[in-house]
Amino acid sequence: MKTLVTLTRRPDAAADALARLSRAEVLAVWQGVANGIVRAAHGLQQGAGAVLELETGTLDEVQRFVESLPYVAEDLLDVQYCPLKPFVAFESLFAPAQA
């Protein structure tokens, strides 16, 4: 199951807490890459935050991973989950024409 997770800095997130946990946060994401959970990580063009592309068996696994991230555990980020499904509309390109 692929899931996009958008992580954005909460307006009340203290800069010193973010700085203190920065290395641990990056290490946790890197460990997700090494374990095959994190397939891609991108920074946001506008605003403070990131988007992670995760691949797991269930949404519960995604939530457990994200909730283990230091910034999330410290309630410094807002989290939005976007579970994905296969895009099947291309099938219509090869279907017989309907009268």
PDB file of N, CA and C in Angstrom:
ATOM      1  N   MET A   1       0.842  -1.171   0.000  1.00  0.00           N
ATOM      2  CA  MET A   1       0.000   0.000   0.000  1.00  0.00           C
ATOM      3  C   MET A   1       0.886   1.232   0.000  1.00  0.00           C
ATOM      4  N   LYS A   2       0.664   2.106  -0.967  1.00  0.00           N
ATOM      5  CA  LYS A   2       1.392   3.371  -1.025  1.00  0.00           C
ATOM      6  C   LYS A   2       0.567   4.451  -0.333  1.00  0.00           C
ATOM      7  N   THR A   3       1.258   5.286   0.411  1.00  0.00           N
ATOM      8  CA  THR A   3       0.607   6.392   1.108  1.00  0.00           C
ATOM      9  C   THR A   3       1.515   7.604   1.029  1.00  0.00           C
ATOM     10  N   LEU A   4       0.923   8.733   0.673  1.00  0.00           N
ATOM     11  CA  LEU A   4       1.635   9.999   0.777  1.00  0.00           C
ATOM     12  C   LEU A   4       1.291  10.611   2.125  1.00  0.00           C
ATOM     13  N   VAL A   5       2.292  11.096   2.803  1.00  0.00           N
ATOM     14  CA  VAL A   5       2.096  11.723   4.109  1.00  0.00           C
ATOM     15  C   VAL A   5       2.684  13.123   4.041  1.00  0.00           C
ATOM     16  N   THR A   6       1.834  14.111   4.265  1.00  0.00           N
ATOM     17  CA  THR A   6       2.282  15.498   4.279  1.00  0.00           C
ATOM     18  C   THR A   6       2.485  15.917   5.734  1.00  0.00           C
ATOM     19  N   LEU A   7       3.677  16.398   6.016  1.00  0.00           N
ATOM     20  CA  LEU A   7       4.049  16.829   7.365  1.00  0.00           C
ATOM     21  C   LEU A   7       4.341  18.326   7.298  1.00  0.00           C
ATOM     22  N   THR A   8       3.592  19.119   8.030  1.00  0.00           N
ATOM     23  CA  THR A   8       3.806  20.564   8.034  1.00  0.00           C
ATOM     24  C   THR A   8       4.024  21.064   9.462  1.00  0.00           C
ATOM     25  N   ARG A   9       4.897  22.032   9.564  1.00  0.00           N
ATOM     26  CA  ARG A   9       5.229  22.595  10.876  1.00  0.00           C
ATOM     27  C   ARG A   9       4.011  23.272  11.479  1.00  0.00           C
ATOM     28  N   ARG A  10       3.734  22.938  12.718  1.00  0.00           N
ATOM     29  CA  ARG A  10       2.636  23.580  13.446  1.00  0.00           C
ATOM     30  C   ARG A  10       3.050  25.010  13.773  1.00  0.00           C
ATOM     31  N   PRO A  11       2.115  25.939  13.710  1.00  0.00           N
ATOM     32  CA  PRO A  11       2.457  27.339  14.004  1.00  0.00           C
ATOM     33  C   PRO A  11       3.066  27.537  15.389  1.00  0.00           C
ATOM     34  N   ASP A  12       2.689  26.686  16.335  1.00  0.00           N
ATOM     35  CA  ASP A  12       3.192  26.837  17.701  1.00  0.00           C
ATOM     36  C   ASP A  12       4.433  25.983  17.978  1.00  0.00           C
ATOM     37  N   ALA A  13       5.010  25.353  16.944  1.00  0.00           N
ATOM     38  CA  ALA A  13       6.193  24.514  17.138  1.00  0.00           C
ATOM     39  C   ALA A  13       7.393  25.388  17.495  1.00  0.00           C
ATOM     40  N   ALA A  14       8.002  25.087  18.604  1.00  0.00           N
ATOM     41  CA  ALA A  14       9.139  25.881  19.084  1.00  0.00           C
ATOM     42  C   ALA A  14      10.384  25.581  18.259  1.00  0.00           C
ATOM     43  N   ALA A  15      11.059  26.638  17.821  1.00  0.00           N
ATOM     44  CA  ALA A  15      12.262  26.485  17.003  1.00  0.00           C
ATOM     45  C   ALA A  15      13.343  25.696  17.735  1.00  0.00           C
ATOM     46  N   ASP A  16      13.476  25.892  19.046  1.00  0.00           N
ATOM     47  CA  ASP A  16      14.507  25.165  19.783  1.00  0.00           C
ATOM     48  C   ASP A  16      14.194  23.671  19.848  1.00  0.00           C
ATOM     49  N   ALA A  17      12.937  23.299  19.921  1.00  0.00           N
ATOM     50  CA  ALA A  17      12.566  21.876  19.915  1.00  0.00           C
ATOM     51  C   ALA A  17      12.861  21.261  18.555  1.00  0.00           C
ATOM     52  N   LEU A  18      12.554  21.986  17.491  1.00  0.00           N
ATOM     53  CA  LEU A  18      12.860  21.490  16.143  1.00  0.00           C
ATOM     54  C   LEU A  18      14.365  21.311  15.974  1.00  0.00           C
ATOM     55  N   ALA A  19      15.142  22.279  16.417  1.00  0.00           N
ATOM     56  CA  ALA A  19      16.597  22.188  16.296  1.00  0.00           C
ATOM     57  C   ALA A  19      17.147  21.024  17.106  1.00  0.00           C
ATOM     58  N   ARG A  20      16.625  20.845  18.308  1.00  0.00           N
ATOM     59  CA  ARG A  20      17.101  19.781  19.199  1.00  0.00           C
ATOM     60  C   ARG A  20      16.841  18.403  18.605  1.00  0.00           C
ATOM     61  N   LEU A  21      15.724  18.242  17.909  1.00  0.00           N
ATOM     62  CA  LEU A  21      15.321  16.929  17.383  1.00  0.00           C
ATOM     63  C   LEU A  21      15.666  16.728  15.912  1.00  0.00           C
ATOM     64  N   SER A  22      16.281  17.712  15.289  1.00  0.00           N
ATOM     65  CA  SER A  22      16.523  17.660  13.849  1.00  0.00           C
ATOM     66  C   SER A  22      17.294  16.413  13.417  1.00  0.00           C
ATOM     67  N   ARG A  23      18.401  16.137  14.039  1.00  0.00           N
ATOM     68  CA  ARG A  23      19.214  14.965  13.654  1.00  0.00           C
ATOM     69  C   ARG A  23      18.436  13.675  13.870  1.00  0.00           C
ATOM     70  N   ALA A  24      17.748  13.556  14.982  1.00  0.00           N
ATOM     71  CA  ALA A  24      16.974  12.347  15.262  1.00  0.00           C
ATOM     72  C   ALA A  24      15.859  12.157  14.231  1.00  0.00           C
ATOM     73  N   GLU A  25      15.251  13.257  13.794  1.00  0.00           N
ATOM     74  CA  GLU A  25      14.184  13.196  12.784  1.00  0.00           C
ATOM     75  C   GLU A  25      14.732  12.688  11.457  1.00  0.00           C
ATOM     76  N   VAL A  26      15.825  13.273  11.016  1.00  0.00           N
ATOM     77  CA  VAL A  26      16.418  12.867   9.740  1.00  0.00           C
ATOM     78  C   VAL A  26      16.888  11.417   9.819  1.00  0.00           C
ATOM     79  N   LEU A  27      17.461  11.027  10.932  1.00  0.00           N
ATOM     80  CA  LEU A  27      17.901   9.636  11.118  1.00  0.00           C
ATOM     81  C   LEU A  27      16.718   8.672  11.068  1.00  0.00           C
ATOM     82  N   ALA A  28      15.612   9.042  11.685  1.00  0.00           N
ATOM     83  CA  ALA A  28      14.415   8.178  11.678  1.00  0.00           C
ATOM     84  C   ALA A  28      13.874   8.002  10.258  1.00  0.00           C
ATOM     85  N   VAL A  29      13.865   9.076   9.486  1.00  0.00           N
ATOM     86  CA  VAL A  29      13.410   8.966   8.091  1.00  0.00           C
ATOM     87  C   VAL A  29      14.392   8.101   7.314  1.00  0.00           C
ATOM     88  N   TRP A  30      15.698   8.301   7.528  1.00  0.00           N
ATOM     89  CA  TRP A  30      16.706   7.490   6.842  1.00  0.00           C
ATOM     90  C   TRP A  30      16.541   6.009   7.193  1.00  0.00           C
ATOM     91  N   GLN A  31      16.253   5.704   8.436  1.00  0.00           N
ATOM     92  CA  GLN A  31      16.026   4.314   8.826  1.00  0.00           C
ATOM     93  C   GLN A  31      14.800   3.754   8.113  1.00  0.00           C
ATOM     94  N   GLY A  32      13.783   4.603   7.899  1.00  0.00           N
ATOM     95  CA  GLY A  32      12.628   4.187   7.119  1.00  0.00           C
ATOM     96  C   GLY A  32      12.997   3.852   5.685  1.00  0.00           C
ATOM     97  N   VAL A  33      13.922   4.632   5.110  1.00  0.00           N
ATOM     98  CA  VAL A  33      14.421   4.336   3.761  1.00  0.00           C
ATOM     99  C   VAL A  33      15.149   2.994   3.771  1.00  0.00           C
ATOM    100  N   ALA A  34      16.044   2.817   4.723  1.00  0.00           N
ATOM    101  CA  ALA A  34      16.830   1.586   4.812  1.00  0.00           C
ATOM    102  C   ALA A  34      15.948   0.357   5.013  1.00  0.00           C
ATOM    103  N   ASN A  35      14.824   0.531   5.704  1.00  0.00           N
ATOM    104  CA  ASN A  35      13.912  -0.589   5.968  1.00  0.00           C
ATOM    105  C   ASN A  35      12.883  -0.778   4.860  1.00  0.00           C
ATOM    106  N   GLY A  36      12.909   0.069   3.838  1.00  0.00           N
ATOM    107  CA  GLY A  36      11.996  -0.080   2.716  1.00  0.00           C
ATOM    108  C   GLY A  36      10.614   0.509   2.918  1.00  0.00           C
ATOM    109  N   ILE A  37      10.412   1.225   4.000  1.00  0.00           N
ATOM    110  CA  ILE A  37       9.113   1.861   4.261  1.00  0.00           C
ATOM    111  C   ILE A  37       9.021   3.196   3.534  1.00  0.00           C
ATOM    112  N   VAL A  38      10.069   4.008   3.647  1.00  0.00           N
ATOM    113  CA  VAL A  38      10.095   5.306   2.978  1.00  0.00           C
ATOM    114  C   VAL A  38      10.665   5.098   1.582  1.00  0.00           C
ATOM    115  N   ARG A  39       9.847   5.384   0.570  1.00  0.00           N
ATOM    116  CA  ARG A  39      10.275   5.240  -0.821  1.00  0.00           C
ATOM    117  C   ARG A  39      10.796   6.548  -1.382  1.00  0.00           C
ATOM    118  N   ALA A  40      10.330   7.679  -0.856  1.00  0.00           N
ATOM    119  CA  ALA A  40      10.803   8.989  -1.299  1.00  0.00           C
ATOM    120  C   ALA A  40      10.474  10.012  -0.225  1.00  0.00           C
ATOM    121  N   ALA A  41      11.299  11.049  -0.165  1.00  0.00           N
ATOM    122  CA  ALA A  41      11.071  12.158   0.767  1.00  0.00           C
ATOM    123  C   ALA A  41      11.341  13.453   0.008  1.00  0.00           C
ATOM    124  N   HIS A  42      10.437  14.396   0.154  1.00  0.00           N
ATOM    125  CA  HIS A  42      10.553  15.678  -0.540  1.00  0.00           C
ATOM    126  C   HIS A  42      10.248  16.806   0.435  1.00  0.00           C
ATOM    127  N   GLY A  43      10.993  17.895   0.312  1.00  0.00           N
ATOM    128  CA  GLY A  43      10.663  19.108   1.044  1.00  0.00           C
ATOM    129  C   GLY A  43       9.561  19.847   0.309  1.00  0.00           C
ATOM    130  N   LEU A  44       8.851  20.692   1.019  1.00  0.00           N
ATOM    131  CA  LEU A  44       7.803  21.498   0.407  1.00  0.00           C
ATOM    132  C   LEU A  44       8.410  22.737  -0.245  1.00  0.00           C
ATOM    133  N   GLN A  45       7.927  23.092  -1.411  1.00  0.00           N
ATOM    134  CA  GLN A  45       8.392  24.296  -2.107  1.00  0.00           C
ATOM    135  C   GLN A  45       8.036  25.544  -1.307  1.00  0.00           C
ATOM    136  N   GLN A  46       6.847  25.532  -0.713  1.00  0.00           N
ATOM    137  CA  GLN A  46       6.395  26.667   0.087  1.00  0.00           C
ATOM    138  C   GLN A  46       6.067  26.175   1.490  1.00  0.00           C
ATOM    139  N   GLY A  47       6.536  26.864   2.485  1.00  0.00           N
ATOM    140  CA  GLY A  47       6.256  26.505   3.866  1.00  0.00           C
ATOM    141  C   GLY A  47       7.242  25.479   4.389  1.00  0.00           C
ATOM    142  N   ALA A  48       7.180  25.269   5.672  1.00  0.00           N
ATOM    143  CA  ALA A  48       8.077  24.330   6.340  1.00  0.00           C
ATOM    144  C   ALA A  48       7.398  22.973   6.456  1.00  0.00           C
ATOM    145  N   GLY A  49       8.004  21.973   5.864  1.00  0.00           N
ATOM    146  CA  GLY A  49       7.447  20.636   5.957  1.00  0.00           C
ATOM    147  C   GLY A  49       8.012  19.715   4.898  1.00  0.00           C
ATOM    148  N   ALA A  50       7.415  18.550   4.801  1.00  0.00           N
ATOM    149  CA  ALA A  50       7.882  17.530   3.872  1.00  0.00           C
ATOM    150  C   ALA A  50       6.724  16.630   3.466  1.00  0.00           C
ATOM    151  N   VAL A  51       6.961  15.903   2.374  1.00  0.00           N
ATOM    152  CA  VAL A  51       6.035  14.860   1.943  1.00  0.00           C
ATOM    153  C   VAL A  51       6.839  13.570   1.864  1.00  0.00           C
ATOM    154  N   LEU A  52       6.317  12.543   2.497  1.00  0.00           N
ATOM    155  CA  LEU A  52       6.936  11.219   2.441  1.00  0.00           C
ATOM    156  C   LEU A  52       6.054  10.303   1.621  1.00  0.00           C
ATOM    157  N   GLU A  53       6.676   9.515   0.759  1.00  0.00           N
ATOM    158  CA  GLU A  53       5.965   8.441   0.067  1.00  0.00           C
ATOM    159  C   GLU A  53       6.341   7.150   0.781  1.00  0.00           C
ATOM    160  N   LEU A  54       5.333   6.523   1.373  1.00  0.00           N
ATOM    161  CA  LEU A  54       5.562   5.316   2.161  1.00  0.00           C
ATOM    162  C   LEU A  54       4.929   4.117   1.483  1.00  0.00           C
ATOM    163  N   GLU A  55       5.538   2.958   1.682  1.00  0.00           N
ATOM    164  CA  GLU A  55       4.952   1.723   1.175  1.00  0.00           C
ATOM    165  C   GLU A  55       4.975   0.687   2.301  1.00  0.00           C
ATOM    166  N   THR A  56       3.767   0.269   2.673  1.00  0.00           N
ATOM    167  CA  THR A  56       3.605  -0.693   3.768  1.00  0.00           C
ATOM    168  C   THR A  56       2.467  -1.643   3.413  1.00  0.00           C
ATOM    169  N   GLY A  57       2.201  -2.582   4.300  1.00  0.00           N
ATOM    170  CA  GLY A  57       1.096  -3.498   4.088  1.00  0.00           C
ATOM    171  C   GLY A  57      -0.254  -2.900   4.463  1.00  0.00           C
ATOM    172  N   THR A  58      -0.256  -2.020   5.465  1.00  0.00           N
ATOM    173  CA  THR A  58      -1.523  -1.465   5.959  1.00  0.00           C
ATOM    174  C   THR A  58      -1.350  -0.002   6.340  1.00  0.00           C
ATOM    175  N   LEU A  59      -2.469   0.687   6.446  1.00  0.00           N
ATOM    176  CA  LEU A  59      -2.446   2.075   6.912  1.00  0.00           C
ATOM    177  C   LEU A  59      -1.997   2.142   8.371  1.00  0.00           C
ATOM    178  N   ASP A  60      -2.317   1.128   9.160  1.00  0.00           N
ATOM    179  CA  ASP A  60      -1.849   1.102  10.555  1.00  0.00           C
ATOM    180  C   ASP A  60      -0.320   1.146  10.630  1.00  0.00           C
ATOM    181  N   GLU A  61       0.353   0.423   9.725  1.00  0.00           N
ATOM    182  CA  GLU A  61       1.818   0.442   9.698  1.00  0.00           C
ATOM    183  C   GLU A  61       2.332   1.836   9.359  1.00  0.00           C
ATOM    184  N   VAL A  62       1.673   2.492   8.420  1.00  0.00           N
ATOM    185  CA  VAL A  62       2.045   3.860   8.063  1.00  0.00           C
ATOM    186  C   VAL A  62       1.920   4.754   9.289  1.00  0.00           C
ATOM    187  N   GLN A  63       0.784   4.672   9.964  1.00  0.00           N
ATOM    188  CA  GLN A  63       0.543   5.525  11.125  1.00  0.00           C
ATOM    189  C   GLN A  63       1.547   5.244  12.238  1.00  0.00           C
ATOM    190  N   ARG A  64       1.879   3.977  12.470  1.00  0.00           N
ATOM    191  CA  ARG A  64       2.870   3.655  13.506  1.00  0.00           C
ATOM    192  C   ARG A  64       4.228   4.265  13.170  1.00  0.00           C
ATOM    193  N   PHE A  65       4.624   4.146  11.894  1.00  0.00           N
ATOM    194  CA  PHE A  65       5.905   4.723  11.497  1.00  0.00           C
ATOM    195  C   PHE A  65       5.899   6.238  11.683  1.00  0.00           C
ATOM    196  N   VAL A  66       4.889   6.898  11.167  1.00  0.00           N
ATOM    197  CA  VAL A  66       4.830   8.361  11.235  1.00  0.00           C
ATOM    198  C   VAL A  66       4.775   8.828  12.685  1.00  0.00           C
ATOM    199  N   GLU A  67       3.987   8.169  13.511  1.00  0.00           N
ATOM    200  CA  GLU A  67       3.876   8.567  14.912  1.00  0.00           C
ATOM    201  C   GLU A  67       5.174   8.341  15.689  1.00  0.00           C
ATOM    202  N   SER A  68       6.069   7.505  15.150  1.00  0.00           N
ATOM    203  CA  SER A  68       7.355   7.277  15.812  1.00  0.00           C
ATOM    204  C   SER A  68       8.389   8.345  15.459  1.00  0.00           C
ATOM    205  N   LEU A  69       8.114   9.162  14.452  1.00  0.00           N
ATOM    206  CA  LEU A  69       9.058  10.214  14.087  1.00  0.00           C
ATOM    207  C   LEU A  69       9.147  11.238  15.221  1.00  0.00           C
ATOM    208  N   PRO A  70      10.341  11.651  15.597  1.00  0.00           N
ATOM    209  CA  PRO A  70      10.492  12.545  16.742  1.00  0.00           C
ATOM    210  C   PRO A  70       9.659  13.827  16.670  1.00  0.00           C
ATOM    211  N   TYR A  71       9.609  14.486  15.516  1.00  0.00           N
ATOM    212  CA  TYR A  71       8.820  15.708  15.409  1.00  0.00           C
ATOM    213  C   TYR A  71       7.336  15.438  15.620  1.00  0.00           C
ATOM    214  N   VAL A  72       6.861  14.326  15.101  1.00  0.00           N
ATOM    215  CA  VAL A  72       5.441  13.987  15.260  1.00  0.00           C
ATOM    216  C   VAL A  72       5.171  13.601  16.711  1.00  0.00           C
ATOM    217  N   ALA A  73       6.056  12.793  17.279  1.00  0.00           N
ATOM    218  CA  ALA A  73       5.891  12.371  18.674  1.00  0.00           C
ATOM    219  C   ALA A  73       5.854  13.558  19.628  1.00  0.00           C
ATOM    220  N   GLU A  74       6.575  14.616  19.290  1.00  0.00           N
ATOM    221  CA  GLU A  74       6.594  15.829  20.117  1.00  0.00           C
ATOM    222  C   GLU A  74       5.510  16.822  19.721  1.00  0.00           C
ATOM    223  N   ASP A  75       4.631  16.441  18.796  1.00  0.00           N
ATOM    224  CA  ASP A  75       3.495  17.268  18.367  1.00  0.00           C
ATOM    225  C   ASP A  75       3.946  18.590  17.737  1.00  0.00           C
ATOM    226  N   LEU A  76       5.041  18.519  16.970  1.00  0.00           N
ATOM    227  CA  LEU A  76       5.564  19.708  16.303  1.00  0.00           C
ATOM    228  C   LEU A  76       5.058  19.838  14.868  1.00  0.00           C
ATOM    229  N   LEU A  77       4.458  18.763  14.347  1.00  0.00           N
ATOM    230  CA  LEU A  77       3.993  18.750  12.962  1.00  0.00           C
ATOM    231  C   LEU A  77       2.529  18.371  12.882  1.00  0.00           C
ATOM    232  N   ASP A  78       1.857  18.937  11.881  1.00  0.00           N
ATOM    233  CA  ASP A  78       0.528  18.460  11.501  1.00  0.00           C
ATOM    234  C   ASP A  78       0.739  17.383  10.452  1.00  0.00           C
ATOM    235  N   VAL A  79      -0.067  16.339  10.516  1.00  0.00           N
ATOM    236  CA  VAL A  79       0.097  15.186   9.638  1.00  0.00           C
ATOM    237  C   VAL A  79      -1.178  14.983   8.834  1.00  0.00           C
ATOM    238  N   GLN A  80      -0.996  14.787   7.540  1.00  0.00           N
ATOM    239  CA  GLN A  80      -2.124  14.466   6.660  1.00  0.00           C
ATOM    240  C   GLN A  80      -1.760  13.209   5.883  1.00  0.00           C
ATOM    241  N   TYR A  81      -2.639  12.206   5.966  1.00  0.00           N
ATOM    242  CA  TYR A  81      -2.427  10.935   5.279  1.00  0.00           C
ATOM    243  C   TYR A  81      -3.236  10.911   3.986  1.00  0.00           C
ATOM    244  N   CYS A  82      -2.627  10.398   2.928  1.00  0.00           N
ATOM    245  CA  CYS A  82      -3.310  10.260   1.644  1.00  0.00           C
ATOM    246  C   CYS A  82      -3.009   8.864   1.091  1.00  0.00           C
ATOM    247  N   PRO A  83      -3.800   7.847   1.519  1.00  0.00           N
ATOM    248  CA  PRO A  83      -3.598   6.498   0.988  1.00  0.00           C
ATOM    249  C   PRO A  83      -3.939   6.481  -0.507  1.00  0.00           C
ATOM    250  N   LEU A  84      -3.138   5.765  -1.275  1.00  0.00           N
ATOM    251  CA  LEU A  84      -3.319   5.717  -2.719  1.00  0.00           C
ATOM    252  C   LEU A  84      -3.848   4.352  -3.148  1.00  0.00           C
ATOM    253  N   LYS A  85      -4.449   4.324  -4.337  1.00  0.00           N
ATOM    254  CA  LYS A  85      -4.900   3.068  -4.939  1.00  0.00           C
ATOM    255  C   LYS A  85      -4.433   3.078  -6.387  1.00  0.00           C
ATOM    256  N   PRO A  86      -4.415   1.917  -7.020  1.00  0.00           N
ATOM    257  CA  PRO A  86      -3.990   1.889  -8.422  1.00  0.00           C
ATOM    258  C   PRO A  86      -4.886   2.774  -9.281  1.00  0.00           C
ATOM    259  N   PHE A  87      -4.288   3.404 -10.279  1.00  0.00           N
ATOM    260  CA  PHE A  87      -5.019   4.237 -11.228  1.00  0.00           C
ATOM    261  C   PHE A  87      -5.410   3.334 -12.388  1.00  0.00           C
ATOM    262  N   VAL A  88      -6.697   3.061 -12.504  1.00  0.00           N
ATOM    263  CA  VAL A  88      -7.159   2.078 -13.499  1.00  0.00           C
ATOM    264  C   VAL A  88      -7.813   2.719 -14.716  1.00  0.00           C
ATOM    265  N   ALA A  89      -7.866   4.019 -14.799  1.00  0.00           N
ATOM    266  CA  ALA A  89      -8.546   4.684 -15.911  1.00  0.00           C
ATOM    267  C   ALA A  89      -7.882   4.398 -17.258  1.00  0.00           C
ATOM    268  N   PHE A  90      -6.596   4.025 -17.262  1.00  0.00           N
ATOM    269  CA  PHE A  90      -5.941   3.721 -18.522  1.00  0.00           C
ATOM    270  C   PHE A  90      -6.578   2.525 -19.220  1.00  0.00           C
ATOM    271  N   GLU A  91      -7.247   1.670 -18.449  1.00  0.00           N
ATOM    272  CA  GLU A  91      -7.937   0.512 -19.062  1.00  0.00           C
ATOM    273  C   GLU A  91      -8.909   0.971 -20.139  1.00  0.00           C
ATOM    274  N   SER A  92      -9.499   2.128 -19.970  1.00  0.00           N
ATOM    275  CA  SER A  92     -10.496   2.611 -20.937  1.00  0.00           C
ATOM    276  C   SER A  92      -9.867   2.862 -22.307  1.00  0.00           C
ATOM    277  N   LEU A  93      -8.564   3.066 -22.367  1.00  0.00           N
ATOM    278  CA  LEU A  93      -7.898   3.281 -23.650  1.00  0.00           C
ATOM    279  C   LEU A  93      -7.897   2.024 -24.516  1.00  0.00           C
ATOM    280  N   PHE A  94      -7.998   0.867 -23.882  1.00  0.00           N
ATOM    281  CA  PHE A  94      -7.883  -0.396 -24.592  1.00  0.00           C
ATOM    282  C   PHE A  94      -9.188  -1.175 -24.622  1.00  0.00           C
ATOM    283  N   ALA A  95     -10.246  -0.597 -24.062  1.00  0.00           N
ATOM    284  CA  ALA A  95     -11.559  -1.247 -24.048  1.00  0.00           C
ATOM    285  C   ALA A  95     -12.198  -1.101 -25.423  1.00  0.00           C
ATOM    286  N   PRO A  96     -13.017  -2.066 -25.818  1.00  0.00           N
ATOM    287  CA  PRO A  96     -13.728  -1.951 -27.094  1.00  0.00           C
ATOM    288  C   PRO A  96     -14.613  -0.699 -27.088  1.00  0.00           C
ATOM    289  N   ALA A  97     -14.702  -0.070 -28.242  1.00  0.00           N
ATOM    290  CA  ALA A  97     -15.539   1.121 -28.367  1.00  0.00           C
ATOM    291  C   ALA A  97     -17.006   0.741 -28.145  1.00  0.00           C
ATOM    292  N   GLN A  98     -17.712   1.571 -27.411  1.00  0.00           N
ATOM    293  CA  GLN A  98     -19.120   1.322 -27.152  1.00  0.00           C
ATOM    294  C   GLN A  98     -19.955   2.175 -28.095  1.00  0.00           C
ATOM    295  N   ALA A  99     -20.998   1.550 -28.620  1.00  0.00           N
ATOM    296  CA  ALA A  99     -21.867   2.265 -29.574  1.00  0.00           C
ATOM    297  C   ALA A  99     -22.862   3.148 -28.872  1.00  0.00           C
TER     298      ALA A  99
END
